[in-house]
């Protein structure tokens, strides 16, 4: 079960997220479903278009069980399968 305490050890693909804070102001309005994740980026589908953002440049707000959880992209940096193993 995903919770605020263990979200970094779970798969993020399929979760709804929005960019709470970003170095690039154009990214701050992006929200959607996470469809892919690489070592340095996250891909969100926003209005039918894929938006790729750098993890280290954003803070994500993810909704889990009706609660909004703020995650620093720096904490997500790295390959997804390595982060899950930690």
Protein backbone atom coordinates (compact mmCIF):
# COMPACT_ATOMS: atom_id res chain seq x y z
CA UNK A 1 0.00 0.00 0.00
CA UNK A 2 1.31 3.44 -0.93
CA UNK A 3 1.56 5.98 1.89
CA UNK A 4 3.35 9.28 2.40
CA UNK A 5 6.09 7.45 4.30
CA UNK A 6 6.88 4.87 1.61
CA UNK A 7 5.92 6.58 -1.66
CA UNK A 8 9.55 6.85 -2.78
CA UNK A 9 9.87 3.06 -2.70
CA UNK A 10 6.82 2.49 -4.90
CA UNK A 11 6.13 2.73 -8.60
CA UNK A 12 4.91 6.19 -9.61
CA UNK A 13 3.62 5.29 -13.07
CA UNK A 14 -0.16 5.53 -13.13
CA UNK A 15 -0.45 8.11 -10.35
CA UNK A 16 -1.97 11.55 -10.93
CA UNK A 17 0.42 14.39 -10.20
CA UNK A 18 0.89 18.08 -10.70
CA UNK A 19 3.97 20.25 -10.64
CA UNK A 20 3.77 22.21 -7.39
CA UNK A 21 6.99 24.15 -7.92
CA UNK A 22 9.41 24.39 -10.82
CA UNK A 23 12.46 26.34 -11.86
CA UNK A 24 10.83 26.73 -15.28
CA UNK A 25 7.57 28.67 -14.90
CA UNK A 26 6.13 26.98 -18.01
CA UNK A 27 6.23 23.63 -16.17
CA UNK A 28 4.40 24.88 -13.08
CA UNK A 29 0.97 24.45 -14.70
CA UNK A 30 1.49 20.84 -15.82
CA UNK A 31 -0.69 18.19 -14.25
CA UNK A 32 -1.72 14.75 -15.35
CA UNK A 33 -1.01 11.06 -15.11
CA UNK A 34 2.57 9.82 -14.80
CA UNK A 35 3.14 7.53 -17.80
CA UNK A 36 6.92 7.08 -17.79
CA UNK A 37 9.95 7.67 -15.61
CA UNK A 38 13.64 7.66 -16.44
CA UNK A 39 16.74 8.35 -14.40
CA UNK A 40 16.40 12.13 -14.78
CA UNK A 41 12.88 12.77 -16.08
CA UNK A 42 9.20 12.15 -15.47
CA UNK A 43 6.64 12.07 -18.28
CA UNK A 44 3.12 13.32 -17.57
CA UNK A 45 0.18 13.19 -19.97
CA UNK A 46 -1.44 16.64 -19.91
CA UNK A 47 -4.47 17.29 -22.16
CA UNK A 48 -3.53 14.37 -24.38
CA UNK A 49 0.06 15.58 -24.79
CA UNK A 50 3.12 14.11 -23.13
CA UNK A 51 5.16 16.57 -21.09
CA UNK A 52 8.67 15.57 -20.00
CA UNK A 53 10.16 17.40 -17.01
CA UNK A 54 13.48 17.07 -15.25
CA UNK A 55 13.12 15.59 -11.77
CA UNK A 56 15.75 17.79 -10.15
CA UNK A 57 13.96 20.96 -11.29
CA UNK A 58 10.48 20.28 -9.87
CA UNK A 59 8.50 19.46 -6.77
CA UNK A 60 5.60 17.08 -7.44
CA UNK A 61 2.29 16.97 -5.63
CA UNK A 62 0.80 13.48 -5.77
CA UNK A 63 -2.67 12.59 -4.52
CA UNK A 64 -2.88 9.29 -2.63
CA UNK A 65 -6.06 8.27 -0.83
CA UNK A 66 -7.38 11.85 -0.87
CA UNK A 67 -4.20 13.28 0.63
CA UNK A 68 -1.79 15.49 -1.30
CA UNK A 69 1.83 14.50 -0.80
CA UNK A 70 4.62 16.89 -1.78
CA UNK A 71 7.73 15.18 -3.12
CA UNK A 72 10.96 16.88 -4.09
CA UNK A 73 12.14 15.79 -7.50
CA UNK A 74 15.66 15.57 -6.09
CA UNK A 75 14.46 12.68 -3.92
CA UNK A 76 13.26 10.90 -7.07
CA UNK A 77 16.53 11.40 -8.95
CA UNK A 78 18.04 8.13 -10.15
CA UNK A 79 16.85 5.05 -11.95
CA UNK A 80 13.37 3.99 -10.86
CA UNK A 81 14.32 0.37 -10.19
CA UNK A 82 17.25 1.42 -8.00
CA UNK A 83 15.04 3.80 -6.00
CA UNK A 84 12.48 1.04 -5.45
CA UNK A 85 15.19 -1.33 -4.12
CA UNK A 86 16.43 1.15 -1.47
